[in-house]
Amino acid sequence: MAQVQGYEFPEDRFYDVENQIWYMPLPDGTVRAGFTTWAVKLMGEVLVFTPKRLGQTFDKDKWFAMVEGGKWIGAARAAFDGAVVAQNETLMDCPEILMKDAFGEGWMIVMRPAVNDWREGLVAGDEIGPAIDAWIATGSYKARAE
């Protein structure tokens, strides 16, 4: 488990550092996605979680879920094209789960990537800590918390 400024980042995931989304491949070829604990910190209290509907497609850099928090309202943006195959209905009913367990019970959706190279551009393994440190150093995250 990588530690970055007091936050854990499981090394079994792939990360879209700019959007603070994690992706975990599942045995059937689908991918589970969620926000990192760093993203949740920026949101504040999570009040509403609204994913795209089952079967809906999404494009890279477009939203697959919307989240409303005490400090932030915004989109979970995709790192690749895909389609929604499952939604976390528990999270829709109890969005505060995201604040308690972002890497577990707080997952957002399961998606089917439209491309085989969906991992391209994502960060994993030993690269997680340095990539997130570099992202934090740029300060680009500050615009999301304002």
Protein backbone atom coordinates (compact mmCIF):
# COMPACT_ATOMS: atom_id res chain seq x y z
CA MET A 1 0.00 0.00 0.00
CA ALA A 2 1.50 3.31 -1.07
CA GLN A 3 1.33 6.15 1.46
CA VAL A 4 1.16 9.70 0.11
CA GLN A 5 0.86 12.59 2.56
CA GLY A 6 -0.96 10.38 5.04
CA TYR A 7 -3.34 8.84 2.50
CA GLU A 8 -3.25 5.21 1.42
CA PHE A 9 -3.35 4.17 -2.24
CA PRO A 10 -3.74 0.40 -2.75
CA GLU A 11 -1.19 -0.87 -5.23
CA ASP A 12 -3.63 -3.33 -6.84
CA ARG A 13 -5.34 -0.46 -8.68
CA PHE A 14 -4.68 1.78 -11.63
CA TYR A 15 -5.00 5.52 -11.03
CA ASP A 16 -6.07 8.50 -13.09
CA VAL A 17 -4.07 10.93 -10.99
CA GLU A 18 -5.52 14.15 -12.42
CA ASN A 19 -9.10 13.04 -11.75
CA GLN A 20 -8.30 11.03 -8.59
CA ILE A 21 -10.18 7.98 -9.83
CA TRP A 22 -9.04 4.41 -9.19
CA TYR A 23 -9.72 1.46 -11.49
CA MET A 24 -9.54 -2.17 -10.42
CA PRO A 25 -9.69 -4.91 -13.06
CA LEU A 26 -12.13 -7.73 -12.29
CA PRO A 27 -11.78 -11.35 -13.47
CA ASP A 28 -14.58 -11.06 -16.06
CA GLY A 29 -12.84 -8.23 -17.93
CA THR A 30 -14.88 -5.45 -16.36
CA VAL A 31 -13.37 -2.70 -14.23
CA ARG A 32 -14.56 -1.34 -10.88
CA ALA A 33 -14.04 2.41 -10.37
CA GLY A 34 -14.10 4.80 -7.44
CA PHE A 35 -12.73 8.04 -6.06
CA THR A 36 -9.51 8.10 -4.06
CA THR A 37 -9.52 9.12 -0.41
CA TRP A 38 -7.67 12.29 -1.48
CA ALA A 39 -10.60 13.23 -3.75
CA VAL A 40 -13.08 12.51 -0.97
CA LYS A 41 -11.14 14.82 1.36
CA LEU A 42 -11.53 17.64 -1.17
CA MET A 43 -15.29 17.01 -1.46
CA GLY A 44 -16.05 17.33 2.22
CA GLU A 45 -19.21 15.60 3.38
CA VAL A 46 -20.61 13.52 0.50
CA LEU A 47 -24.32 14.23 0.12
CA VAL A 48 -25.42 12.81 -3.25
CA PHE A 49 -24.05 10.17 -5.64
CA THR A 50 -25.63 9.80 -9.10
CA PRO A 51 -24.08 7.38 -11.61
CA LYS A 52 -24.98 7.04 -15.27
CA ARG A 53 -27.69 4.46 -15.84
CA LEU A 54 -26.95 0.81 -16.52
CA GLY A 55 -26.01 0.24 -20.14
CA GLN A 56 -25.17 3.88 -20.80
CA THR A 57 -21.90 4.54 -22.53
CA PHE A 58 -19.40 7.26 -21.76
CA ASP A 59 -16.40 8.72 -23.53
CA LYS A 60 -12.93 9.34 -22.22
CA ASP A 61 -12.77 12.60 -20.21
CA LYS A 62 -16.57 12.66 -19.85
CA TRP A 63 -18.56 11.93 -16.72
CA PHE A 64 -19.75 8.51 -15.58
CA ALA A 65 -21.02 9.70 -12.17
CA MET A 66 -21.85 12.96 -10.42
CA VAL A 67 -21.08 13.64 -6.79
CA GLU A 68 -22.30 16.45 -4.57
CA GLY A 69 -20.28 17.15 -1.48
CA GLY A 70 -20.21 19.82 1.17
CA LYS A 71 -17.27 21.55 -0.53
CA TRP A 72 -17.50 20.32 -4.12
CA ILE A 73 -20.01 19.35 -6.77
CA GLY A 74 -18.62 17.65 -9.81
CA ALA A 75 -18.07 14.73 -12.07
CA ALA A 76 -16.18 11.49 -11.93
CA ARG A 77 -14.49 11.64 -15.34
CA ALA A 78 -13.50 8.54 -17.25
CA ALA A 79 -9.94 7.74 -18.26
CA PHE A 80 -11.21 5.69 -21.22
CA ASP A 81 -14.38 4.94 -23.22
CA GLY A 82 -16.75 2.38 -21.76
CA ALA A 83 -20.22 1.40 -20.61
CA VAL A 84 -21.82 1.07 -17.18
CA VAL A 85 -22.56 -2.56 -16.25
CA ALA A 86 -23.20 -2.12 -12.50
CA GLN A 87 -23.85 0.70 -10.08
CA ASN A 88 -23.25 0.82 -6.35
CA GLU A 89 -26.86 1.10 -5.25
CA THR A 90 -25.81 1.17 -1.60
CA LEU A 91 -23.74 4.28 -2.35
CA MET A 92 -26.73 5.90 -4.05
CA ASP A 93 -28.80 5.34 -0.88
CA CYS A 94 -25.98 6.13 1.61
CA PRO A 95 -23.42 8.40 -0.10
CA GLU A 96 -21.55 8.89 3.18
CA ILE A 97 -20.07 5.41 2.65
CA LEU A 98 -17.67 7.08 0.21
CA MET A 99 -16.12 9.03 3.10
CA LYS A 100 -15.70 5.89 5.21
CA ASP A 101 -14.41 3.39 2.64
CA ALA A 102 -13.49 4.97 -0.71
CA PHE A 103 -11.41 1.97 -1.83
CA GLY A 104 -13.92 -0.66 -0.70
CA GLU A 105 -17.66 -0.32 -0.11
CA GLY A 106 -17.56 3.20 -1.58
CA TRP A 107 -16.89 2.05 -5.16
CA MET A 108 -19.01 3.88 -7.74
CA ILE A 109 -19.57 1.74 -10.82
CA VAL A 110 -18.40 -1.32 -12.70
CA MET A 111 -17.70 -0.60 -16.34
CA ARG A 112 -16.85 -2.49 -19.48
CA PRO A 113 -13.97 -0.75 -21.26
CA ALA A 114 -14.52 -0.14 -24.96
CA VAL A 115 -10.80 -0.58 -25.63
CA ASN A 116 -8.27 -3.24 -24.65
CA ASP A 117 -5.58 -0.68 -23.79
CA TRP A 118 -7.70 1.05 -21.10
CA ARG A 119 -4.69 1.05 -18.71
CA GLU A 120 -2.75 3.40 -21.01
CA GLY A 121 -1.98 6.67 -19.24
CA LEU A 122 -2.91 5.33 -15.80
CA VAL A 123 -0.44 4.95 -12.94
CA ALA A 124 0.12 1.77 -10.93
CA GLY A 125 2.53 0.03 -8.57
CA ASP A 126 5.71 1.89 -7.62
CA GLU A 127 4.68 4.90 -9.72
CA ILE A 128 1.70 5.81 -7.50
CA GLY A 129 3.53 7.71 -4.76
CA PRO A 130 5.76 9.85 -7.00
CA ALA A 131 2.92 10.57 -9.47
CA ILE A 132 0.53 11.73 -6.77
CA ASP A 133 3.25 13.75 -5.01
CA ALA A 134 4.02 15.49 -8.33
CA TRP A 135 0.31 16.16 -8.94
CA ILE A 136 -0.12 17.65 -5.46
CA ALA A 137 2.99 19.80 -6.00
CA THR A 138 1.38 21.39 -9.09
CA GLY A 139 -1.52 22.62 -6.97
CA SER A 140 -4.03 21.86 -9.75
CA TYR A 141 -6.27 20.14 -7.23
CA LYS A 142 -6.95 23.47 -5.48
CA ALA A 143 -9.37 24.56 -8.19
CA ARG A 144 -11.55 21.56 -7.34
CA ALA A 145 -11.88 22.53 -3.70
CA GLU A 146 -12.92 26.14 -4.31
